[in-house]
Amino acid sequence: MITTFKHTLSKGLIGLILLSILPLIAYSQAEAPMLVASQNYNGICYILDDDTHTATVTTNSNGYYGDIVIPETIIHDDETYTVTEIGMTAFSNNFSVRSVSIPNTVTLINNNAFKSCIGLQAVNLPSNLKEIGQFAFNLCNSLKEVVMPNSLTTLGTQAFSECSQLQSIVFSNNLTSLGATCFYSCSALTSVSLPESLKELPLQTFMSCTKLEKVEFSKSIVSIGNNAFKNCSSLTEVTVPNALTTISQGAFSGCSALATVTIGNGLQKVGSKAFENCSKLTTFYCYAVAVPATESDAFSGASVTSATLHVPEISVTNYKSTTPWSDFKNITEMDAPYYLFEVGAESNWATKHSLRRIGNTGKYQGYYYLKDAFRILPYEEWEDGWGYNGTGKLIKGGDTNIPVPAAGFYQVTIDISALTYTLIEIKTVSISGDF
């Protein structure tokens, strides 16, 4: 037996429901942007926003070809629209696009915008651009140069990955966010200079950039991510400033030409296989006084058994007794880890003198003609320079330069343990015996 139930809504209840949902419908309609369907102007297609009077470049069903020049504004139904974005996949897979000129009104290049434009040889990035999205220029195999405007703060994941002809990158001085694998397999890239604004290199940033020979790290770099330089087989030398605390897993794995590594005194952690198969490693400078926490296989396959590790004098014993650092054939103290820099106008703040270590006393000494004030710099790192506080003591990062009483020839001695210095003016020199 089947029983059928019938439920009837009263007119009053229906009215209450309508009264409830109508405001939501009205709100939704008020909030949604008024978009005009794709419009084609001079061969370029746009989505128009009637609320903001802005335009986003979008795909063209007939394709894009040759040299594309995007205007700052377009006119539709007697209204002016400002071009502010390159839309998602706008030019992707358009193999015949040779160059693109983007107006300064554009602030965003969306995900996949130029992906697989294999014929794209040149693109000018506008002066007000803030963000380049994920895969935006991935597989643009004819692109040779990228000049980022200083307005750019964000690069998305794989933004320029696999651009096999990319030879030159000029970074924005305000770049703070870099996506993983951003320049993966840019196999023609030979050198990079990272901006001071960038503090972290993420996963696989320059992995498999096989012609990369030189990297200038910013003094603010704090961490190098997993496999960041893995298989950069032309990289011969690496120098990383004192701000660096972490070298992550596989960071320099497979850098088979890497011979010299210099790491500042802030290093705290070295990950698994960080220097794996660095088969030509001969010299490693590590200025960290405390031995960094290091995975046991950090140097697996590297030539540490024939390389020399240079560490601070007071730390030699600790490095020798801590694996895997103890695997280095030779572990020795730094020869000249402190320098005297004259900082006056005549020397252009650039005259450097080495201060030589006196035995195992913690003292360093040199003989020099001095005219200007000076500072003491450990390991040539200006930000860590030792200044003065007026009481005869050295202060790391102190603002006051160490004064010279009068121009003359001086014996300069610093005591790092006591944080003191002495200046003895040399007025006469005696010579005995044959000259």
Protein backbone atom coordinates (compact mmCIF):
# COMPACT_ATOMS: atom_id res chain seq x y z
CA MET A 1 0.00 0.00 0.00
CA ILE A 2 1.42 3.33 -1.04
CA THR A 3 0.38 6.41 0.85
CA THR A 4 0.84 9.85 -0.77
CA PHE A 5 1.37 12.87 1.44
CA LYS A 6 0.52 16.33 0.11
CA HIS A 7 1.92 19.41 1.77
CA THR A 8 0.45 22.76 0.87
CA LEU A 9 2.24 26.03 1.63
CA SER A 10 0.04 28.83 2.76
CA LYS A 11 0.12 32.09 0.85
CA GLY A 12 1.43 33.80 3.96
CA LEU A 13 4.39 31.43 4.23
CA ILE A 14 5.26 31.88 0.55
CA GLY A 15 5.22 35.63 1.06
CA LEU A 16 7.61 35.38 3.99
CA ILE A 17 10.06 33.28 1.94
CA LEU A 18 10.00 35.76 -0.93
CA LEU A 19 10.54 38.66 1.43
CA SER A 20 13.58 36.82 2.83
CA ILE A 21 15.32 36.01 -0.43
CA LEU A 22 14.60 39.14 -2.45
CA PRO A 23 17.09 41.31 -0.47
CA LEU A 24 19.77 38.66 -1.07
CA ILE A 25 19.08 38.70 -4.81
CA ALA A 26 19.20 42.49 -4.87
CA TYR A 27 22.45 42.54 -2.85
CA SER A 28 24.06 39.99 -5.15
CA GLN A 29 23.11 42.01 -8.21
CA ALA A 30 24.43 45.22 -6.65
CA GLU A 31 27.80 43.66 -5.73
CA ALA A 32 28.49 41.87 -9.02
CA PRO A 33 30.59 43.91 -11.48
CA MET A 34 28.86 44.89 -14.69
CA LEU A 35 30.97 43.10 -17.29
CA VAL A 36 30.64 43.67 -21.00
CA ALA A 37 31.22 40.64 -23.21
CA SER A 38 34.50 40.37 -25.04
CA GLN A 39 35.09 43.33 -27.33
CA ASN A 40 37.58 43.38 -30.20
CA TYR A 41 39.45 46.63 -30.88
CA ASN A 42 42.16 46.69 -33.52
CA GLY A 43 42.71 42.96 -33.18
CA ILE A 44 42.95 42.92 -29.35
CA CYS A 45 40.09 41.54 -27.27
CA TYR A 46 39.01 42.95 -23.90
CA ILE A 47 36.57 42.25 -21.09
CA LEU A 48 35.15 45.61 -19.95
CA ASP A 49 34.04 46.45 -16.41
CA ASP A 50 31.31 49.08 -16.54
CA ASP A 51 31.56 49.82 -12.81
CA THR A 52 35.27 50.70 -12.77
CA HIS A 53 35.65 51.57 -16.44
CA THR A 54 38.64 49.23 -16.68
CA ALA A 55 39.54 46.71 -19.36
CA THR A 56 41.26 43.32 -19.15
CA VAL A 57 43.01 41.90 -22.21
CA THR A 58 41.57 38.49 -22.99
CA THR A 59 41.83 35.68 -25.55
CA ASN A 60 41.12 36.22 -29.22
CA SER A 61 39.31 33.38 -30.95
CA ASN A 62 41.15 34.28 -34.15
CA GLY A 63 44.51 34.21 -32.39
CA TYR A 64 47.23 36.84 -31.93
CA TYR A 65 50.09 37.37 -34.36
CA GLY A 66 53.26 39.41 -34.79
CA ASP A 67 54.05 42.51 -32.72
CA ILE A 68 51.29 43.36 -30.25
CA VAL A 69 50.94 46.94 -28.97
CA ILE A 70 48.33 47.28 -26.23
CA PRO A 71 46.95 50.81 -25.71
CA GLU A 72 46.44 52.46 -22.30
CA THR A 73 42.75 53.11 -23.01
CA ILE A 74 39.99 52.08 -25.38
CA ILE A 75 36.60 53.67 -26.13
CA HIS A 76 33.37 51.66 -26.08
CA ASP A 77 29.94 53.29 -26.56
CA ASP A 78 31.56 56.72 -26.08
CA GLU A 79 32.98 55.64 -22.71
CA THR A 80 36.73 55.44 -21.95
CA TYR A 81 38.09 52.27 -20.34
CA THR A 82 41.61 52.00 -18.86
CA VAL A 83 43.53 48.80 -19.60
CA THR A 84 44.71 47.48 -16.21
CA GLU A 85 45.20 43.71 -16.57
CA ILE A 86 46.39 40.98 -18.89
CA GLY A 87 43.85 38.23 -18.31
CA MET A 88 44.38 34.54 -17.62
CA THR A 89 45.56 32.63 -20.72
CA ALA A 90 45.09 35.82 -22.77
CA PHE A 91 47.98 35.01 -25.13
CA SER A 92 48.79 31.44 -24.15
CA ASN A 93 49.70 29.05 -26.98
CA ASN A 94 49.76 31.85 -29.54
CA PHE A 95 52.89 30.62 -31.28
CA SER A 96 53.13 33.52 -33.75
CA VAL A 97 53.37 36.41 -31.26
CA ARG A 98 56.84 38.01 -31.59
CA SER A 99 56.69 40.89 -29.12
CA VAL A 100 54.24 42.54 -26.73
CA SER A 101 54.24 46.15 -25.57
CA ILE A 102 52.23 46.50 -22.36
CA PRO A 103 51.04 49.99 -21.27
CA ASN A 104 52.01 51.50 -17.92
CA THR A 105 48.38 51.35 -16.78
CA VAL A 106 48.62 47.57 -16.38
CA THR A 107 49.28 46.44 -12.78
CA LEU A 108 48.61 42.69 -13.07
CA ILE A 109 49.63 39.96 -15.50
CA ASN A 110 47.45 37.00 -14.61
CA ASN A 111 48.21 33.28 -14.44
CA ASN A 112 49.21 31.60 -17.73
CA ALA A 113 48.87 34.91 -19.60
CA PHE A 114 51.73 34.19 -22.02
CA LYS A 115 52.32 30.52 -21.33
CA SER A 116 53.84 28.61 -24.25
CA CYS A 117 54.22 31.66 -26.49
CA ILE A 118 57.21 29.93 -28.02
CA GLY A 119 57.82 32.69 -30.57
CA LEU A 120 57.76 35.56 -28.04
CA GLN A 121 61.15 37.29 -28.28
CA ALA A 122 60.55 40.49 -26.30
CA VAL A 123 58.11 41.91 -23.77
CA ASN A 124 58.23 45.27 -22.05
CA LEU A 125 56.93 45.12 -18.49
CA PRO A 126 55.07 48.32 -17.52
CA SER A 127 56.37 50.73 -14.88
CA ASN A 128 53.36 50.25 -12.56
CA LEU A 129 53.22 46.46 -12.69
CA LYS A 130 52.77 44.93 -9.24
CA GLU A 131 52.29 41.21 -9.84
CA ILE A 132 53.09 38.51 -12.38
CA GLY A 133 50.98 35.39 -11.87
CA GLN A 134 51.73 31.68 -11.94
CA PHE A 135 53.11 30.23 -15.21
CA ALA A 136 52.68 33.67 -16.78
CA PHE A 137 55.69 33.26 -19.11
CA ASN A 138 56.31 29.54 -18.69
CA LEU A 139 57.81 27.90 -21.81
CA CYS A 140 58.42 31.18 -23.63
CA ASN A 141 61.39 29.58 -25.34
CA SER A 142 62.42 32.58 -27.47
CA LEU A 143 62.42 35.17 -24.67
CA LYS A 144 66.00 36.33 -23.99
CA GLU A 145 65.73 39.20 -21.52
CA VAL A 146 63.49 40.25 -18.65
CA VAL A 147 63.67 43.72 -17.08
CA MET A 148 61.36 44.04 -14.09
CA PRO A 149 60.08 47.47 -13.00
CA ASN A 150 60.74 48.46 -9.39
CA SER A 151 56.98 48.51 -8.80
CA LEU A 152 56.90 44.70 -9.04
CA THR A 153 56.57 42.96 -5.66
CA THR A 154 55.29 39.47 -6.54
CA LEU A 155 56.36 36.74 -8.97
CA GLY A 156 54.15 33.66 -9.09
CA THR A 157 55.10 29.98 -9.16
CA GLN A 158 56.95 29.01 -12.37
CA ALA A 159 56.45 32.51 -13.76
CA PHE A 160 59.49 32.18 -16.06
CA SER A 161 60.27 28.48 -15.76
CA GLU A 162 61.61 26.60 -18.78
CA CYS A 163 62.39 29.76 -20.76
CA SER A 164 65.29 28.00 -22.43
CA GLN A 165 66.76 31.09 -24.16
CA LEU A 166 66.49 33.49 -21.20
CA GLN A 167 69.96 34.99 -20.71
CA SER A 168 69.43 38.09 -18.57
CA ILE A 169 67.20 39.03 -15.63
CA VAL A 170 67.07 42.48 -14.02
CA PHE A 171 65.13 42.14 -10.77
CA SER A 172 62.83 44.68 -9.19
CA ASN A 173 64.41 46.38 -6.16
CA ASN A 174 61.11 45.87 -4.32
CA LEU A 175 60.52 42.20 -5.08
CA THR A 176 59.48 40.51 -1.83
CA SER A 177 57.57 37.40 -2.93
CA LEU A 178 59.09 34.84 -5.29
CA GLY A 179 57.14 31.73 -6.27
CA ALA A 180 58.60 28.23 -6.22
CA THR A 181 60.39 26.98 -9.35
CA CYS A 182 60.23 30.51 -10.75
CA PHE A 183 63.29 30.16 -13.03
CA TYR A 184 63.50 26.38 -13.19
CA SER A 185 65.43 25.10 -16.21
CA CYS A 186 66.29 28.51 -17.65
CA SER A 187 69.24 26.79 -19.26
CA ALA A 188 70.77 29.86 -20.97
CA LEU A 189 70.93 32.01 -17.84
CA THR A 190 74.56 32.78 -16.87
CA SER A 191 74.34 35.17 -13.90
CA VAL A 192 71.85 36.68 -11.47
CA SER A 193 72.00 39.50 -8.95
CA LEU A 194 69.31 39.17 -6.28
CA PRO A 195 67.70 42.35 -4.86
CA GLU A 196 68.10 43.42 -1.23
CA SER A 197 64.31 43.25 -0.80
CA LEU A 198 64.33 39.46 -1.23
CA LYS A 199 64.85 37.46 1.98
CA GLU A 200 63.99 33.92 0.90
CA LEU A 201 64.69 31.75 -2.12
CA PRO A 202 61.89 29.15 -2.38
CA LEU A 203 61.82 25.59 -3.65
CA GLN A 204 63.75 24.94 -6.90
CA THR A 205 64.11 28.63 -7.75
CA PHE A 206 67.04 28.17 -10.16
CA MET A 207 67.12 24.39 -10.36
CA SER A 208 68.69 23.01 -13.57
CA CYS A 209 69.93 26.40 -14.77
CA THR A 210 72.87 24.54 -16.25
CA LYS A 211 74.81 27.59 -17.54
CA LEU A 212 74.46 29.64 -14.35
CA GLU A 213 78.01 30.64 -13.34
CA LYS A 214 77.54 33.51 -10.89
CA VAL A 215 75.02 34.43 -8.20
CA GLU A 216 75.16 37.68 -6.24
CA PHE A 217 73.13 37.14 -3.08
CA SER A 218 71.49 40.05 -1.32
CA LYS A 219 72.82 40.84 2.15
CA SER A 220 69.31 40.28 3.51
CA ILE A 221 68.89 36.70 2.27
CA VAL A 222 67.84 34.49 5.19
CA SER A 223 67.12 31.10 3.65
CA ILE A 224 67.88 29.10 0.52
CA GLY A 225 65.07 26.64 -0.21
CA ASN A 226 65.02 22.97 -1.17
CA ASN A 227 66.90 22.25 -4.41
CA ALA A 228 67.14 25.99 -5.13
CA PHE A 229 70.33 25.56 -7.20
CA LYS A 230 70.21 21.83 -7.77
CA ASN A 231 72.06 20.72 -10.93
CA CYS A 232 73.44 24.18 -11.65
CA SER A 233 76.44 22.43 -13.13
CA SER A 234 78.35 25.58 -14.21
CA LEU A 235 78.27 27.30 -10.80
CA THR A 236 81.89 27.54 -9.58
CA GLU A 237 81.73 29.82 -6.54
CA VAL A 238 79.14 30.78 -3.93
CA THR A 239 79.41 33.59 -1.36
CA VAL A 240 76.47 34.14 1.00
CA PRO A 241 76.37 37.01 3.55
CA ASN A 242 75.88 36.82 7.29
CA ALA A 243 72.06 37.09 7.31
CA LEU A 244 71.70 33.55 5.94
CA THR A 245 70.53 31.08 8.59
CA THR A 246 69.33 28.10 6.56
CA ILE A 247 70.59 26.11 3.59
CA SER A 248 67.80 23.66 2.88
CA GLN A 249 67.70 20.13 1.49
CA GLY A 250 69.51 19.68 -1.81
CA ALA A 251 70.11 23.43 -2.20
CA PHE A 252 73.39 22.98 -4.12
CA SER A 253 73.09 19.28 -4.93
CA GLY A 254 74.65 18.34 -8.24
CA CYS A 255 76.63 21.59 -8.60
CA SER A 256 79.47 19.57 -10.06
CA ALA A 257 81.73 22.57 -10.83
CA LEU A 258 81.37 24.22 -7.42
CA ALA A 259 84.89 24.71 -6.03
CA THR A 260 84.64 27.50 -3.42
CA VAL A 261 81.91 28.18 -0.88
CA THR A 262 81.88 31.09 1.58
CA ILE A 263 79.10 31.22 4.17
CA GLY A 264 78.64 34.07 6.67
CA ASN A 265 78.53 33.85 10.44
CA GLY A 266 74.72 33.57 10.74
CA LEU A 267 74.44 30.02 9.40
CA GLN A 268 72.46 27.77 11.76
CA LYS A 269 71.21 24.84 9.70
CA VAL A 270 72.35 22.79 6.69
CA GLY A 271 69.81 20.35 5.25
CA SER A 272 70.06 16.84 3.84
CA LYS A 273 72.17 16.54 0.67
CA ALA A 274 72.65 20.30 0.58
CA PHE A 275 76.04 19.91 -1.15
CA GLU A 276 75.53 16.42 -2.52
CA ASN A 277 77.83 15.46 -5.42
CA CYS A 278 79.76 18.72 -5.39
CA SER A 279 82.66 16.72 -6.74
CA LYS A 280 85.07 19.63 -7.32
CA LEU A 281 84.74 21.27 -3.92
CA THR A 282 88.17 22.36 -2.71
CA THR A 283 87.65 25.29 -0.32
CA PHE A 284 84.84 25.91 2.16
CA TYR A 285 84.75 28.98 4.42
CA CYS A 286 82.20 28.88 7.23
CA TYR A 287 82.29 31.90 9.55
CA ALA A 288 79.70 30.56 11.99
CA VAL A 289 81.28 30.34 15.46
CA ALA A 290 78.71 27.78 16.63
CA VAL A 291 78.79 24.67 14.44
CA PRO A 292 75.57 24.71 12.35
CA ALA A 293 73.09 21.86 12.85
CA THR A 294 73.88 19.74 9.80
CA GLU A 295 72.31 16.59 8.39
CA SER A 296 74.76 13.69 8.22
CA ASP A 297 74.46 13.39 4.42
CA ALA A 298 74.82 17.11 3.68
CA PHE A 299 78.13 16.50 1.87
CA SER A 300 77.43 13.04 0.46
CA GLY A 301 79.35 12.53 -2.77
CA ALA A 302 81.20 15.84 -2.34
CA SER A 303 84.99 15.94 -2.37
CA VAL A 304 85.34 16.90 1.31
CA THR A 305 88.02 14.27 1.93
CA SER A 306 90.38 16.37 -0.20
CA ALA A 307 88.97 19.84 0.57
CA THR A 308 89.92 22.42 3.20
CA LEU A 309 87.42 23.84 5.68
CA HIS A 310 88.24 27.29 7.10
CA VAL A 311 86.43 28.23 10.33
CA PRO A 312 86.85 30.78 13.14
CA GLU A 313 89.93 30.14 15.28
CA ILE A 314 87.96 29.45 18.46
CA SER A 315 85.75 26.89 16.69
CA VAL A 316 88.30 24.61 15.04
CA THR A 317 88.06 21.91 17.73
CA ASN A 318 84.26 21.83 17.61
CA TYR A 319 84.16 21.48 13.82
CA LYS A 320 86.75 18.70 13.97
CA SER A 321 84.61 16.76 16.42
CA THR A 322 81.23 17.26 14.71
CA THR A 323 80.00 15.19 11.77
CA PRO A 324 79.75 15.68 8.87
CA TRP A 325 82.12 18.67 9.12
CA SER A 326 84.76 16.39 10.55
CA ASP A 327 84.87 14.60 7.18
CA PHE A 328 86.83 17.49 5.66
CA LYS A 329 90.46 16.46 5.18
CA ASN A 330 91.81 19.77 6.48
CA ILE A 331 90.09 21.98 9.04
CA THR A 332 91.93 25.19 9.82
CA GLU A 333 91.40 28.64 11.30
CA MET A 334 90.84 31.75 9.18
CA ASP A 335 94.03 33.55 8.23
CA ALA A 336 92.78 37.13 8.18
CA PRO A 337 89.18 37.39 9.28
CA TYR A 338 89.39 41.07 10.33
CA TYR A 339 90.00 44.17 8.28
CA LEU A 340 90.54 47.85 8.92
CA PHE A 341 88.59 50.16 6.61
CA GLU A 342 89.33 53.86 6.37
CA VAL A 343 86.07 55.74 6.05
CA GLY A 344 87.04 59.32 5.21
CA ALA A 345 86.38 61.22 2.01
CA GLU A 346 89.93 60.84 0.70
CA SER A 347 89.78 57.05 0.85
CA ASN A 348 86.22 57.04 -0.53
CA TRP A 349 85.33 54.72 2.36
CA ALA A 350 87.06 51.93 0.53
CA THR A 351 90.70 51.56 1.63
CA LYS A 352 91.02 48.12 3.19
CA HIS A 353 93.91 46.79 5.30
CA SER A 354 94.19 43.24 6.59
CA LEU A 355 94.79 42.76 10.31
CA ARG A 356 96.87 39.68 10.99
CA ARG A 357 96.23 37.27 13.84
CA ILE A 358 98.78 37.20 16.68
CA GLY A 359 99.08 33.54 17.68
CA ASN A 360 96.07 32.26 19.62
CA THR A 361 95.62 35.40 21.71
CA GLY A 362 92.44 36.72 20.10
CA LYS A 363 94.39 39.79 18.99
CA TYR A 364 94.91 41.14 15.47
CA GLN A 365 97.47 43.71 14.43
CA GLY A 366 98.71 45.80 11.51
CA TYR A 367 100.93 48.80 10.69
CA TYR A 368 99.44 51.48 8.47
CA TYR A 369 99.49 55.16 7.60
CA LEU A 370 96.14 56.54 8.76
CA LYS A 371 94.65 59.95 8.11
CA ASP A 372 90.93 59.39 8.44
CA ALA A 373 88.69 57.65 10.95
CA PHE A 374 88.24 53.92 10.49
CA ARG A 375 86.13 50.90 11.33
CA ILE A 376 86.91 47.24 11.95
CA LEU A 377 85.06 44.81 9.69
CA PRO A 378 84.90 41.06 10.22
CA TYR A 379 84.92 39.05 7.01
CA GLU A 380 84.39 42.15 4.85
CA GLU A 381 80.76 42.46 5.91
CA TRP A 382 80.04 46.19 6.22
CA GLU A 383 76.79 45.78 8.16
CA ASP A 384 78.66 43.93 10.92
CA GLY A 385 81.37 46.59 11.24
CA TRP A 386 82.76 47.40 14.68
CA GLY A 387 82.40 51.03 15.69
CA TYR A 388 83.11 52.96 18.87
CA ASN A 389 81.23 54.12 21.94
CA GLY A 390 83.66 56.73 23.27
CA THR A 391 85.05 54.62 26.11
CA GLY A 392 87.71 52.72 24.24
CA LYS A 393 85.45 49.75 23.53
CA LEU A 394 84.48 48.31 20.16
CA ILE A 395 80.78 47.90 19.46
CA LYS A 396 79.44 45.66 16.72
CA GLY A 397 77.37 47.88 14.44
CA GLY A 398 78.35 50.97 16.44
CA ASP A 399 77.51 54.20 14.61
CA THR A 400 80.62 56.16 15.63
CA ASN A 401 83.75 55.64 13.56
CA ILE A 402 87.00 55.04 15.43
CA PRO A 403 88.97 58.32 15.45
CA VAL A 404 92.60 58.86 14.45
CA PRO A 405 94.28 61.52 16.67
CA ALA A 406 96.38 62.88 13.79
CA ALA A 407 97.59 61.72 10.42
CA GLY A 408 100.50 59.37 10.86
CA PHE A 409 101.92 55.85 10.80
CA TYR A 410 100.31 53.62 13.44
CA GLN A 411 100.47 50.20 14.98
CA VAL A 412 96.81 49.12 15.21
CA THR A 413 95.88 46.31 17.59
CA ILE A 414 92.40 44.97 18.28
CA ASP A 415 91.46 42.45 20.94
CA ILE A 416 88.30 40.63 19.92
CA SER A 417 87.93 38.93 23.30
CA ALA A 418 88.10 42.17 25.28
CA LEU A 419 86.55 44.31 22.53
CA THR A 420 89.34 46.87 22.82
CA TYR A 421 91.71 48.57 20.41
CA THR A 422 94.97 50.48 20.72
CA LEU A 423 96.70 52.94 18.41
CA ILE A 424 100.44 53.51 18.84
CA GLU A 425 101.95 56.14 16.56
CA ILE A 426 105.28 55.09 15.05
CA LYS A 427 107.54 58.19 14.84
CA THR A 428 110.95 56.60 14.39
CA VAL A 429 112.23 53.35 12.92
CA SER A 430 115.59 51.85 13.92
CA ILE A 431 117.51 49.48 11.68
CA SER A 432 120.40 47.34 12.88
CA GLY A 433 122.71 45.21 10.79
CA ASP A 434 123.05 45.21 7.05
CA PHE A 435 120.39 47.03 5.04
